[in-house]
Protein backbone atom coordinates (compact mmCIF):
# COMPACT_ATOMS: atom_id res chain seq x y z
CA UNK A 1 -0.06 -0.18 0.27
CA UNK A 2 0.93 3.54 -0.65
CA UNK A 3 1.24 5.84 2.62
CA UNK A 4 0.78 10.02 1.95
CA UNK A 5 2.03 12.30 4.28
CA UNK A 6 0.68 15.40 4.32
CA UNK A 7 -1.29 18.28 6.07
CA UNK A 8 -3.41 19.62 3.26
CA UNK A 9 -4.85 18.34 0.27
CA UNK A 10 -7.31 20.06 -2.22
CA UNK A 11 -8.48 18.45 -5.44
CA UNK A 12 -11.23 18.00 -7.69
CA UNK A 13 -11.04 14.44 -7.43
CA UNK A 14 -9.01 11.53 -6.68
CA UNK A 15 -9.07 8.07 -7.21
CA UNK A 16 -6.61 5.23 -5.25
CA UNK A 17 -6.73 1.79 -5.74
CA UNK A 18 -5.87 1.34 -1.81
CA UNK A 19 -5.23 3.45 0.69
CA UNK A 20 -3.00 3.85 4.05
CA UNK A 21 -2.45 7.22 6.01
CA UNK A 22 -0.97 7.02 9.21
CA UNK A 23 1.13 9.43 10.88
CA UNK A 24 4.83 9.65 10.24
CA UNK A 25 8.01 10.92 12.68
CA UNK A 26 7.65 14.68 11.11
CA UNK A 27 4.44 14.50 12.74
CA UNK A 28 0.49 13.63 11.35
CA UNK A 29 -0.93 13.04 8.24
CA UNK A 30 -4.51 13.03 6.86
CA UNK A 31 -6.60 14.23 4.00
CA UNK A 32 -8.42 16.87 3.76
CA UNK A 33 -11.13 17.35 1.02
CA UNK A 34 -13.22 20.69 0.14
CA UNK A 35 -16.58 19.86 -1.73
CA UNK A 36 -15.10 17.31 -3.47
CA UNK A 37 -14.67 13.24 -3.45
CA UNK A 38 -12.42 10.56 -2.97
CA UNK A 39 -12.82 7.21 -4.59
CA UNK A 40 -10.67 4.11 -3.23
CA UNK A 41 -11.28 0.98 -5.22
CA UNK A 42 -10.53 -1.50 -2.23
CA UNK A 43 -9.92 -1.13 1.66
CA UNK A 44 -8.43 2.02 3.78
CA UNK A 45 -6.13 1.91 6.69
CA UNK A 46 -6.25 4.15 8.99
CA UNK A 47 -4.09 5.24 12.24
CA UNK A 48 -4.93 7.72 14.40
CA UNK A 49 -2.67 11.01 14.55
CA UNK A 50 -1.35 11.84 18.37
CA UNK A 51 -2.45 15.77 17.63
CA UNK A 52 -5.98 16.93 19.16
CA UNK A 53 -6.11 19.25 16.19
CA UNK A 54 -5.18 16.99 13.19
CA UNK A 55 -6.53 13.25 15.11
CA UNK A 56 -8.82 12.35 12.19
CA UNK A 57 -7.24 10.54 8.97
CA UNK A 58 -9.46 12.04 6.61
CA UNK A 59 -11.46 15.26 6.74
CA UNK A 60 -14.78 15.46 4.28
CA UNK A 61 -15.82 19.20 4.23
CA UNK A 62 -18.45 21.24 2.44
CA UNK A 63 -20.00 18.61 0.66
CA UNK A 64 -17.01 15.96 0.28
CA UNK A 65 -17.79 12.78 0.26
CA UNK A 66 -16.06 9.37 -0.12
CA UNK A 67 -16.90 6.82 -2.18
CA UNK A 68 -15.15 3.13 -2.75
CA UNK A 69 -15.39 0.35 -5.26
CA UNK A 70 -17.90 -2.52 -5.27
CA UNK A 71 -17.27 -5.22 -2.25
CA UNK A 72 -19.17 -7.42 -0.13
CA UNK A 73 -17.71 -6.74 3.28
CA UNK A 74 -16.23 -3.80 4.91
CA UNK A 75 -12.80 -4.38 4.76
CA UNK A 76 -11.54 -0.81 6.45
CA UNK A 77 -9.46 -1.26 9.03
CA UNK A 78 -7.14 0.65 11.61
CA UNK A 79 -7.86 3.17 15.14
CA UNK A 80 -8.02 6.21 12.54
CA UNK A 81 -10.98 7.84 11.91
CA UNK A 82 -12.78 10.35 9.33
CA UNK A 83 -14.84 13.22 10.19
CA UNK A 84 -17.38 14.24 8.53
CA UNK A 85 -19.88 17.01 8.72
CA UNK A 86 -24.21 16.67 8.77
CA UNK A 87 -26.82 19.24 9.67
CA UNK A 88 -30.41 18.63 11.23
CA UNK A 89 -32.61 20.70 12.96
CA UNK A 90 -31.95 22.81 15.63
CA UNK A 91 -34.72 23.10 17.99
CA UNK A 92 -34.92 20.71 20.77
CA UNK A 93 -38.08 20.24 20.60
CA UNK A 94 -38.18 18.17 17.01
CA UNK A 95 -36.57 15.37 15.95
CA UNK A 96 -34.69 14.16 12.69
CA UNK A 97 -34.21 11.12 12.15
CA UNK A 98 -30.36 9.66 11.35
CA UNK A 99 -28.44 6.85 10.02
CA UNK A 100 -24.64 6.78 11.04
CA UNK A 101 -22.18 7.01 7.82
CA UNK A 102 -19.60 5.31 10.41
CA UNK A 103 -18.69 2.76 12.66
CA UNK A 104 -17.48 3.38 16.07
CA UNK A 105 -13.78 2.54 16.44
CA UNK A 106 -12.84 5.21 18.55
CA UNK A 107 -13.70 3.31 22.10
CA UNK A 108 -14.46 -0.04 23.40
CA UNK A 109 -18.14 0.91 24.47
CA UNK A 110 -21.21 1.45 22.25
CA UNK A 111 -22.11 4.57 24.43
CA UNK A 112 -24.47 6.96 22.66
CA UNK A 113 -22.60 9.96 21.41
CA UNK A 114 -18.66 8.37 21.40
CA UNK A 115 -19.14 8.94 17.39
CA UNK A 116 -20.93 12.51 17.59
CA UNK A 117 -18.89 15.54 18.41
CA UNK A 118 -18.85 19.01 17.89
CA UNK A 119 -16.58 21.16 15.67
CA UNK A 120 -14.49 23.60 17.05
CA UNK A 121 -12.25 24.75 13.93
CA UNK A 122 -11.84 22.83 10.53
CA UNK A 123 -10.35 19.90 11.85
CA UNK A 124 -10.67 19.94 15.84
CA UNK A 125 -14.07 18.98 17.01
CA UNK A 126 -14.85 17.88 20.81
CA UNK A 127 -17.05 15.07 21.84
CA UNK A 128 -20.68 15.93 22.57
CA UNK A 129 -21.97 15.74 25.88
CA UNK A 130 -25.51 13.70 27.10
CA UNK A 131 -28.13 14.74 29.39
CA UNK A 132 -31.03 13.32 30.93
CA UNK A 133 -32.96 16.25 30.78
CA UNK A 134 -35.92 17.00 28.59
CA UNK A 135 -33.86 19.67 26.40
CA UNK A 136 -30.44 19.83 24.40
CA UNK A 137 -28.31 22.85 24.15
CA UNK A 138 -25.90 24.14 21.52
CA UNK A 139 -23.05 25.76 23.66
CA UNK A 140 -21.30 23.26 24.76
CA UNK A 141 -23.44 20.88 22.20
CA UNK A 142 -25.24 18.92 24.38
CA UNK A 143 -27.80 15.99 23.51
CA UNK A 144 -30.49 14.88 25.56
CA UNK A 145 -31.06 11.08 25.64
CA UNK A 146 -34.30 11.05 26.61
CA UNK A 147 -34.87 11.02 22.51
CA UNK A 148 -33.16 8.21 21.03
CA UNK A 149 -35.22 5.67 19.36
CA UNK A 150 -35.39 3.13 17.11
CA UNK A 151 -38.18 1.53 15.12
CA UNK A 152 -39.04 -1.85 13.79
CA UNK A 153 -42.41 -3.39 13.57
CA UNK A 154 -45.77 -1.82 13.33
CA UNK A 155 -47.73 0.52 16.17
CA UNK A 156 -46.59 2.88 18.57
CA UNK A 157 -45.26 0.28 20.63
CA UNK A 158 -42.55 -0.56 18.45
CA UNK A 159 -40.97 2.18 19.09
CA UNK A 160 -37.54 0.70 21.10
CA UNK A 161 -35.84 2.99 23.39
CA UNK A 162 -31.77 3.35 23.29
CA UNK A 163 -30.91 5.85 24.92
CA UNK A 164 -26.92 5.46 26.48
CA UNK A 165 -26.35 2.06 25.27
CA UNK A 166 -26.44 2.61 21.44
CA UNK A 167 -26.93 -0.60 19.96
CA UNK A 168 -28.04 0.50 16.18
CA UNK A 169 -26.48 -1.68 13.43
CA UNK A 170 -25.09 0.49 10.24
CA UNK A 171 -28.21 0.84 8.10
CA UNK A 172 -30.58 0.91 10.95
CA UNK A 173 -31.72 4.51 11.35
CA UNK A 174 -32.40 6.69 14.73
CA UNK A 175 -34.49 9.42 16.36
CA UNK A 176 -32.46 12.36 17.73
CA UNK A 177 -33.97 15.73 18.51
CA UNK A 178 -32.18 18.85 17.71
CA UNK A 179 -31.15 21.41 20.58
CA UNK A 180 -31.94 25.12 22.06
CA UNK A 181 -29.98 27.89 21.56
CA UNK A 182 -26.99 29.62 19.36
CA UNK A 183 -23.77 28.40 18.60
CA UNK A 184 -21.98 31.27 16.86
CA UNK A 185 -18.70 29.03 16.32
CA UNK A 186 -17.69 29.50 12.35
CA UNK A 187 -16.27 26.94 10.71
CA UNK A 188 -16.14 27.10 6.74
CA UNK A 189 -17.79 30.28 6.89
CA UNK A 190 -20.97 28.93 8.35
CA UNK A 191 -21.92 28.67 12.10
CA UNK A 192 -22.36 25.82 14.00
CA UNK A 193 -26.14 27.12 15.25
CA UNK A 194 -27.33 30.21 13.71
CA UNK A 195 -30.55 29.22 15.41
CA UNK A 196 -31.90 27.52 12.16
CA UNK A 197 -29.88 24.50 12.40
CA UNK A 198 -27.25 22.32 14.00
CA UNK A 199 -23.92 21.15 12.70
CA UNK A 200 -22.83 17.57 13.74
CA UNK A 201 -19.32 15.95 13.00
CA UNK A 202 -19.57 12.27 13.11
CA UNK A 203 -16.45 10.80 13.30
CA UNK A 204 -15.42 6.59 13.20
CA UNK A 205 -14.38 4.01 10.47
CA UNK A 206 -15.99 4.73 7.25
CA UNK A 207 -19.10 2.08 6.76
CA UNK A 208 -18.28 0.26 3.33
CA UNK A 209 -19.38 -2.34 1.17
CA UNK A 210 -22.78 -4.74 1.30
CA UNK A 211 -24.51 -3.60 4.61
CA UNK A 212 -27.89 -5.71 5.37
CA UNK A 213 -30.54 -5.02 7.74
CA UNK A 214 -33.88 -6.93 8.17
CA UNK A 215 -37.54 -6.57 7.52
CA UNK A 216 -40.39 -8.26 7.82
CA UNK A 217 -43.45 -8.37 6.09
CA UNK A 218 -46.09 -5.77 6.65
CA UNK A 219 -44.18 -4.34 9.28
CA UNK A 220 -41.45 -0.73 9.10
CA UNK A 221 -38.17 -0.45 9.43
CA UNK A 222 -36.37 3.01 10.38
CA UNK A 223 -33.49 2.45 8.13
CA UNK A 224 -30.91 5.02 6.33
CA UNK A 225 -27.94 5.97 4.38
CA UNK A 226 -25.06 4.10 5.60
CA UNK A 227 -22.35 5.52 4.23
CA UNK A 228 -19.97 8.67 3.96
CA UNK A 229 -21.47 9.79 0.81
CA UNK A 230 -24.79 10.24 -0.91
CA UNK A 231 -27.05 7.54 -1.70
CA UNK A 232 -29.01 6.82 -4.68
CA UNK A 233 -32.14 6.81 -3.19
CA UNK A 234 -33.97 5.92 -6.52
CA UNK A 235 -31.81 2.72 -7.22
CA UNK A 236 -31.99 1.44 -3.52
CA UNK A 237 -35.21 0.85 -3.35
CA UNK A 238 -35.79 -0.29 -7.29
CA UNK A 239 -33.58 -3.24 -6.28
CA UNK A 240 -34.84 -4.05 -2.84
CA UNK A 241 -37.93 -6.08 -3.77
CA UNK A 242 -38.25 -7.14 0.26
CA UNK A 243 -39.58 -3.46 0.41
CA UNK A 244 -42.68 -2.16 -0.99
CA UNK A 245 -39.85 0.13 -2.78
CA UNK A 246 -41.44 3.66 -1.39
CA UNK A 247 -39.35 5.78 1.25
CA UNK A 248 -41.25 7.24 4.29
CA UNK A 249 -39.75 10.62 6.00
CA UNK A 250 -40.87 12.43 8.54
CA UNK A 251 -41.66 15.94 8.91
CA UNK A 252 -43.17 18.26 11.61
CA UNK A 253 -44.13 21.49 12.37
CA UNK A 254 -41.17 23.45 12.74
CA UNK A 255 -40.03 25.59 15.93
CA UNK A 256 -42.40 23.16 18.91
CA UNK A 257 -42.28 24.17 22.07
CA UNK A 258 -43.36 21.23 24.01
CA UNK A 259 -42.37 17.54 24.25
CA UNK A 260 -45.63 16.28 25.07
CA UNK A 261 -47.18 14.03 22.64
CA UNK A 262 -50.07 16.06 22.60
CA UNK A 263 -49.08 18.76 21.57
CA UNK A 264 -46.93 17.52 18.64
CA UNK A 265 -47.91 18.23 14.75
CA UNK A 266 -46.49 15.99 12.22
CA UNK A 267 -46.73 13.38 9.53
CA UNK A 268 -44.61 11.53 6.71
CA UNK A 269 -44.18 12.00 3.58
CA UNK A 270 -43.28 9.72 0.71
CA UNK A 271 -40.76 9.26 -2.31
CA UNK A 272 -41.52 6.84 -4.89
CA UNK A 273 -38.97 5.91 -7.39
CA UNK A 274 -40.74 5.10 -9.95
CA UNK A 275 -42.68 8.08 -10.10
CA UNK A 276 -39.47 10.06 -9.25
CA UNK A 277 -41.72 12.59 -7.12
CA UNK A 278 -42.31 12.97 -3.38
CA UNK A 279 -45.76 13.94 -1.55
CA UNK A 280 -45.26 15.92 1.23
CA UNK A 281 -46.62 14.87 4.64
CA UNK A 282 -49.91 16.16 6.34
CA UNK A 283 -49.50 16.84 10.14
CA UNK A 284 -51.59 15.26 13.07
CA UNK A 285 -51.86 15.53 16.34
CA UNK A 286 -51.65 12.82 18.65
CA UNK A 287 -52.77 11.26 21.97
CA UNK A 288 -50.64 10.58 24.70
CA UNK A 289 -50.66 6.89 23.76
CA UNK A 290 -49.76 7.86 20.44
CA UNK A 291 -52.85 7.30 18.38
CA UNK A 292 -54.31 9.83 16.36
CA UNK A 293 -56.78 12.68 17.70
CA UNK A 294 -57.08 14.64 14.37
CA UNK A 295 -56.18 16.63 12.10
CA UNK A 296 -53.71 19.56 13.04
CA UNK A 297 -54.26 22.05 10.16
CA UNK A 298 -50.55 21.98 8.81
CA UNK A 299 -48.33 20.22 6.07
CA UNK A 300 -45.18 19.72 5.66
CA UNK A 301 -42.97 20.87 2.83
CA UNK A 302 -41.85 19.50 -0.77
CA UNK A 303 -38.17 17.77 -0.31
CA UNK A 304 -35.87 16.44 -2.98
CA UNK A 305 -35.46 13.09 -2.15
CA UNK A 306 -33.84 10.78 -5.21
CA UNK A 307 -30.35 10.96 -3.13
CA UNK A 308 -30.48 10.59 0.57
CA UNK A 309 -27.74 12.85 1.73
CA UNK A 310 -25.10 11.44 4.58
CA UNK A 311 -26.69 10.39 7.76
CA UNK A 312 -30.44 10.89 6.64
CA UNK A 313 -32.45 8.11 8.35
CA UNK A 314 -36.32 7.04 6.73
CA UNK A 315 -38.93 4.62 6.57
CA UNK A 316 -39.16 1.58 4.95
CA UNK A 317 -42.11 -1.17 4.84
CA UNK A 318 -41.80 -4.80 3.93
CA UNK A 319 -43.94 -6.90 1.72
CA UNK A 320 -42.13 -10.16 2.50
CA UNK A 321 -39.31 -10.93 5.45
CA UNK A 322 -35.82 -11.29 4.22
CA UNK A 323 -32.77 -8.56 3.60
CA UNK A 324 -32.38 -5.11 2.88
CA UNK A 325 -29.21 -4.34 1.54
CA UNK A 326 -27.03 -1.63 0.73
CA UNK A 327 -23.92 -1.70 -1.71
CA UNK A 328 -21.62 0.60 -2.88
CA UNK A 329 -22.77 0.70 -6.03
CA UNK A 330 -25.92 2.81 -4.45
CA UNK A 331 -23.37 5.12 -3.63
CA UNK A 332 -23.00 8.71 -5.58
CA UNK A 333 -21.29 11.67 -5.25
CA UNK A 334 -24.39 13.79 -4.96
CA UNK A 335 -23.89 17.32 -3.06
CA UNK A 336 -26.93 18.51 -1.00
CA UNK A 337 -29.59 20.52 -3.58
CA UNK A 338 -33.07 22.07 -4.09
CA UNK A 339 -33.86 19.81 -6.56
CA UNK A 340 -32.94 16.07 -5.57
CA UNK A 341 -31.09 15.53 -2.77
CA UNK A 342 -32.26 17.27 0.53
CA UNK A 343 -31.91 16.63 4.29
CA UNK A 344 -35.03 17.86 6.20
CA UNK A 345 -33.62 21.63 6.76
CA UNK A 346 -33.49 21.90 2.75
CA UNK A 347 -36.95 22.79 1.08
CA UNK A 348 -37.26 21.97 -2.72
CA UNK A 349 -38.36 25.35 -4.22
CA UNK A 350 -38.46 23.57 -8.01
CA UNK A 351 -38.84 20.29 -9.50
CA UNK A 352 -37.07 18.58 -12.59
CA UNK A 353 -39.89 16.15 -13.61
CA UNK A 354 -39.21 12.72 -15.94
CA UNK A 355 -42.50 12.18 -16.50
CA UNK A 356 -45.67 13.92 -17.13
CA UNK A 357 -48.64 14.15 -14.65
CA UNK A 358 -49.83 16.47 -11.85
CA UNK A 359 -50.73 17.16 -8.34
CA UNK A 360 -53.86 17.15 -7.11
CA UNK A 361 -54.52 19.31 -4.47
CA UNK A 362 -57.44 18.41 -2.13
CA UNK A 363 -58.46 20.92 0.29
CA UNK A 364 -60.31 19.31 3.67
CA UNK A 365 -62.30 21.25 5.67
CA UNK A 366 -60.42 24.41 4.89
CA UNK A 367 -58.08 23.11 7.27
CA UNK A 368 -55.42 21.40 5.18
CA UNK A 369 -54.27 20.22 1.86
CA UNK A 370 -53.99 16.48 1.23
CA UNK A 371 -51.44 16.62 -2.32
CA UNK A 372 -51.98 13.73 -4.17
CA UNK A 373 -50.03 12.83 -7.11
CA UNK A 374 -50.53 11.24 -10.28
CA UNK A 375 -47.67 10.41 -13.10
CA UNK A 376 -48.31 8.62 -16.34
CA UNK A 377 -45.69 5.77 -16.96
CA UNK A 378 -46.78 3.53 -19.79
CA UNK A 379 -44.86 0.40 -17.93
CA UNK A 380 -47.16 0.73 -15.28
CA UNK A 381 -50.46 -0.71 -14.30
CA UNK A 382 -53.65 -0.04 -13.56
CA UNK A 383 -52.73 -1.92 -10.12
CA UNK A 384 -50.70 -1.20 -7.22
CA UNK A 385 -47.40 -1.05 -8.59
CA UNK A 386 -44.06 -2.03 -6.44
CA UNK A 387 -41.73 1.36 -6.08
CA UNK A 388 -44.23 3.06 -8.04
CA UNK A 389 -47.47 3.76 -6.07
CA UNK A 390 -47.27 5.19 -2.46
CA UNK A 391 -49.57 3.95 0.64
CA UNK A 392 -50.40 7.09 2.75
CA UNK A 393 -48.70 6.04 5.69
CA UNK A 394 -50.69 7.39 8.12
CA UNK A 395 -54.22 8.05 7.04
CA UNK A 396 -56.61 11.15 8.96
CA UNK A 397 -59.84 10.58 10.01
CA UNK A 398 -60.26 13.30 7.65
CA UNK A 399 -58.69 12.55 4.59
CA UNK A 400 -58.37 11.63 0.61
CA UNK A 401 -56.44 9.51 -1.38
CA UNK A 402 -56.41 7.31 -4.44
CA UNK A 403 -57.96 4.43 -3.92
CA UNK A 404 -56.19 1.06 -5.50
CA UNK A 405 -57.03 -2.52 -5.07
CA UNK A 406 -59.30 -0.87 -1.77
CA UNK A 407 -56.66 0.92 -0.18
CA UNK A 408 -55.67 4.19 0.24
CA UNK A 409 -52.38 5.69 -1.76
CA UNK A 410 -50.94 9.83 -2.12
CA UNK A 411 -49.22 8.64 -5.25
CA UNK A 412 -50.51 6.39 -8.46
CA UNK A 413 -48.70 5.85 -11.28
CA UNK A 414 -50.59 5.00 -14.44
CA UNK A 415 -50.11 4.25 -18.19
CA UNK A 416 -51.44 7.35 -20.12
CA UNK A 417 -52.90 5.10 -23.09
CA UNK A 418 -55.06 3.45 -20.19
CA UNK A 419 -57.53 6.58 -19.95
CA UNK A 420 -60.26 5.72 -17.56
CA UNK A 421 -61.88 6.79 -14.33
CA UNK A 422 -59.49 7.21 -11.79
CA UNK A 423 -60.90 6.28 -8.10
CA UNK A 424 -60.75 8.47 -5.30
CA UNK A 425 -61.80 7.60 -1.68
CA UNK A 426 -62.43 10.55 1.02
CA UNK A 427 -63.46 10.13 4.35
CA UNK A 428 -65.21 12.30 7.07
CA UNK A 429 -65.27 11.71 10.46
CA UNK A 430 -68.07 14.45 11.08
CA UNK A 431 -69.68 16.25 8.22
CA UNK A 432 -67.53 18.57 5.88
CA UNK A 433 -65.83 19.82 2.84
CA UNK A 434 -63.51 18.83 -0.09
CA UNK A 435 -62.21 21.29 -2.61
CA UNK A 436 -60.08 20.13 -5.64
CA UNK A 437 -57.31 22.05 -7.41
CA UNK A 438 -54.57 20.93 -9.82
CA UNK A 439 -50.81 21.77 -10.28
CA UNK A 440 -48.95 20.01 -13.64
CA UNK A 441 -45.63 18.92 -12.76
CA UNK A 442 -45.71 18.63 -16.84
CA UNK A 443 -48.23 20.15 -18.54
CA UNK A 444 -51.07 17.86 -20.35
CA UNK A 445 -51.58 19.60 -23.97
CA UNK A 446 -55.56 19.15 -25.12
CA UNK A 447 -56.16 17.35 -21.95
CA UNK A 448 -59.23 18.61 -19.43
CA UNK A 449 -59.10 17.05 -16.32
CA UNK A 450 -62.68 16.74 -14.96
CA UNK A 451 -64.00 15.47 -11.20
CA UNK A 452 -66.74 12.86 -11.64
CA UNK A 453 -69.68 12.18 -9.05
CA UNK A 454 -70.92 9.29 -10.00
CA UNK A 455 -74.06 9.62 -7.77
CA UNK A 456 -75.07 12.52 -9.64
CA UNK A 457 -73.26 11.70 -13.18
CA UNK A 458 -71.92 15.18 -12.89
CA UNK A 459 -68.52 16.33 -14.28
CA UNK A 460 -66.84 19.58 -13.25
CA UNK A 461 -63.93 20.45 -15.04
CA UNK A 462 -60.94 21.28 -12.70
CA UNK A 463 -58.40 21.75 -15.57
CA UNK A 464 -58.10 25.42 -14.82
CA UNK A 465 -60.17 26.27 -11.78
CA UNK A 466 -60.80 24.87 -8.70
CA UNK A 467 -64.12 23.71 -6.96
CA UNK A 468 -65.60 22.64 -3.66
CA UNK A 469 -68.13 19.96 -1.97
CA UNK A 470 -70.24 19.86 0.67
CA UNK A 471 -70.48 16.14 1.81
CA UNK A 472 -71.22 14.01 5.00
CA UNK A 473 -69.64 12.40 7.43
CA UNK A 474 -68.97 9.18 6.21
CA UNK A 475 -66.48 7.27 3.36
CA UNK A 476 -66.84 7.44 -0.04
CA UNK A 477 -65.03 4.89 -2.02
CA UNK A 478 -67.08 4.48 -5.27
CA UNK A 479 -68.51 7.67 -5.80
CA UNK A 480 -65.94 10.37 -6.98
CA UNK A 481 -63.43 9.74 -9.69
CA UNK A 482 -60.69 11.76 -12.04
CA UNK A 483 -61.39 11.46 -15.98
CA UNK A 484 -59.15 12.59 -18.51
CA UNK A 485 -60.77 14.29 -21.38
CA UNK A 486 -58.48 14.35 -24.41
CA UNK A 487 -58.16 13.91 -28.37
CA UNK A 488 -56.87 10.63 -28.15
CA UNK A 489 -53.89 9.56 -30.52
CA UNK A 490 -54.30 5.92 -32.51
CA UNK A 491 -52.67 3.12 -30.56
CA UNK A 492 -52.83 -0.73 -30.94
CA UNK A 493 -55.57 -2.50 -29.44
CA UNK A 494 -57.94 -3.70 -31.96
CA UNK A 495 -57.63 -5.31 -35.64
CA UNK A 496 -57.60 -2.42 -38.24
CA UNK A 497 -61.15 -3.33 -39.84
CA UNK A 498 -63.79 -3.54 -36.75
CA UNK A 499 -66.31 -5.33 -39.26
CA UNK A 500 -64.15 -8.07 -39.09
CA UNK A 501 -64.87 -8.89 -35.14
CA UNK A 502 -66.59 -11.62 -34.09
CA UNK A 503 -69.45 -10.00 -32.30
CA UNK A 504 -71.46 -10.70 -29.05
CA UNK A 505 -74.57 -12.22 -30.36
CA UNK A 506 -77.80 -10.03 -28.83
CA UNK A 507 -79.55 -11.32 -26.09
CA UNK A 508 -76.31 -13.72 -24.86
CA UNK A 509 -77.27 -15.26 -21.31
CA UNK A 510 -73.78 -15.25 -20.50
CA UNK A 511 -72.67 -11.57 -20.86
CA UNK A 512 -75.39 -9.28 -21.24
CA UNK A 513 -73.73 -5.09 -22.50
CA UNK A 514 -76.32 -2.47 -23.24
CA UNK A 515 -75.65 1.36 -23.38
CA UNK A 516 -77.90 3.62 -20.96
CA UNK A 517 -77.55 6.98 -22.13
CA UNK A 518 -80.46 8.45 -20.61
CA UNK A 519 -77.43 7.98 -17.43
CA UNK A 520 -74.44 8.14 -19.68
CA UNK A 521 -73.39 4.72 -18.66
CA UNK A 522 -72.55 1.68 -20.16
CA UNK A 523 -74.09 -1.23 -18.30
CA UNK A 524 -72.76 -5.06 -17.95
CA UNK A 525 -74.35 -7.88 -16.31
CA UNK A 526 -72.31 -11.21 -15.90
CA UNK A 527 -73.57 -14.71 -14.67
CA UNK A 528 -72.10 -17.04 -12.38
CA UNK A 529 -70.37 -18.70 -15.22
CA UNK A 530 -68.71 -16.13 -16.25
CA UNK A 531 -64.90 -15.82 -16.66
CA UNK A 532 -64.85 -12.60 -17.74
CA UNK A 533 -61.17 -10.88 -16.07
CA UNK A 534 -60.29 -7.62 -18.60
CA UNK A 535 -62.88 -5.11 -19.73
CA UNK A 536 -61.72 -2.67 -22.74
CA UNK A 537 -63.49 0.16 -23.89
CA UNK A 538 -62.14 1.81 -27.71
CA UNK A 539 -62.92 3.91 -30.66
CA UNK A 540 -63.83 2.80 -34.19
CA UNK A 541 -60.42 2.98 -34.94
CA UNK A 542 -58.41 0.88 -32.73
CA UNK A 543 -57.72 3.22 -29.51
CA UNK A 544 -58.05 2.59 -26.02
CA UNK A 545 -59.90 4.84 -23.90
CA UNK A 546 -60.94 3.12 -20.83
CA UNK A 547 -59.61 -0.48 -19.15
CA UNK A 548 -60.43 -2.58 -16.19
CA UNK A 549 -59.45 -5.56 -14.57
CA UNK A 550 -62.82 -7.37 -13.70
CA UNK A 551 -62.36 -9.17 -10.53
CA UNK A 552 -64.15 -12.43 -10.31
CA UNK A 553 -66.66 -11.52 -7.63
CA UNK A 554 -68.39 -8.61 -10.06
CA UNK A 555 -71.16 -9.57 -11.80
CA UNK A 556 -72.67 -6.11 -12.67
CA UNK A 557 -70.26 -3.19 -13.91
CA UNK A 558 -71.01 0.19 -14.52
CA UNK A 559 -68.67 2.35 -16.84
CA UNK A 560 -69.23 6.41 -17.19
CA UNK A 561 -69.50 7.52 -20.52
CA UNK A 562 -70.64 11.01 -19.82
CA UNK A 563 -66.89 12.47 -20.75
CA UNK A 564 -66.96 10.55 -24.33
CA UNK A 565 -67.77 12.00 -27.66
CA UNK A 566 -71.20 11.36 -29.54
CA UNK A 567 -70.01 7.95 -31.39
CA UNK A 568 -69.94 4.37 -31.92
CA UNK A 569 -67.13 2.81 -29.57
CA UNK A 570 -66.26 -1.33 -29.34
CA UNK A 571 -66.66 -2.73 -25.71
CA UNK A 572 -63.97 -5.95 -25.49
CA UNK A 573 -64.19 -8.40 -22.91
CA UNK A 574 -61.66 -10.88 -22.36
CA UNK A 575 -62.23 -14.01 -20.47
CA UNK A 576 -59.36 -16.18 -18.31
CA UNK A 577 -58.71 -18.41 -21.28
CA UNK A 578 -58.19 -16.14 -23.33
CA UNK A 579 -61.09 -15.89 -25.56
CA UNK A 580 -62.96 -12.40 -26.46
CA UNK A 581 -66.03 -10.77 -26.74
CA UNK A 582 -66.52 -7.59 -29.13
CA UNK A 583 -70.03 -5.19 -28.97
CA UNK A 584 -70.50 -1.70 -31.05
CA UNK A 585 -72.18 0.46 -28.70
CA UNK A 586 -73.60 3.68 -29.35
CA UNK A 587 -72.96 6.94 -26.98
CA UNK A 588 -75.49 10.04 -27.39
CA UNK A 589 -74.72 12.40 -24.45
């Protein structure tokens, strides 16, 4: 291995097969990286320096990051360590979710705080203090151990207290509250705590290689980025098929004033890699036992989530028992920014979408806005798709969502070619109101977006205006839909000459199809022996207008047609054995 003996090294990037850093007779040796990346293909060997001012072997400053080549195990060794900064919320009443980018090699104990330091200069830091008091403080940096928890399971009882004994493994996440006060000490031109964020110095042996944590089916796990570099969260979520492929982030009302759970206002936002969008949190109020007692009237911000910054924690949900694995191939040199890589303290101001779609803003009782995101992607389905559709992680008593497979979602990904009635779900624990408005992620030229009330058979155009409905107490599952009215482009679906199709005989006992123009709906009756599993509605040119999977227990179907132009259409029914039936129908609105 090569040895580097130097005091300061600044470069745009540095690549090394192996890296060994140790002090010499002439003095301490270290690497100091400012806003740059260090890439080491194999392992790193670090020996601790002697002077307190330069005790670390590698300093990562001002968004500098360490990446390493692909390997299965962490081969980094030695009693030397890296030092990397990260900032979280400064308020002693507010939580951040964390994941350590380093492993403790500074002491033989696993006491919490062994790896967390308060920066004094660019290279000198002092270990944080711990307190059993409720509040932490900025100067000297003191963390309250009362709020250190990890989570694996379901329900409020699955929060496990960590406190002094830090048994959190790499890849696991933990909660930690911020601190009160201001620390005006300035490092790299930035105060440690200007009153809005708190800087921490994480020190230890850098995590590397494959890191696995266990997740259980239908349970949540507090996890997080385990590396001293950004994590390509999109790639990580797509690859880990034991999870739903969605990451959830805690967000809460800024500048809290109480540790009492009854005073908390917070909730979870959702990031979908398949849609590459983030649905912001809506804040709840809680009882002392952790159960929701109502809406707070506030909502969170929109953050960039495609890349997870150093030390950021997030929730995952399991779809089967097994490992969740982090790999070096998911690591990326991505600086924090407002578009795609934000810790909680950075608000995303703009969005660069990959796909077209919109945000449906549902104003509930004039108290808060639930933002529901619809994204169009042709390789998606109309059912629930892993790593695309995101469930609501904490449904409110008064809420709205996309209804997918009878469950409540905040992100819905659909193929644009499958223009259909997109079902919504609304629930109210008392009489209330719901307002609807649109915010486009990317414009959809020539498309009108309508809200359809199937009970009253009414359409409301919400493309350029908002509207509001007064609703009675209850749950609304099969009443409200979004409908897309557009000038369709030809696409494959039926043979070029519809007259050559084999049409369903009139009066068929097995399947009865009729168009009820008086009520603007298509009515389909299936007998008990029917095995129809897919329904499609087409124009005479073969343009797909509507598609629906048919449940085996569904024997009567109603398809709203009030948004269609007056014309002749073709209904196609496909049975489980592949046999198809066709029928022409005339729509007159």
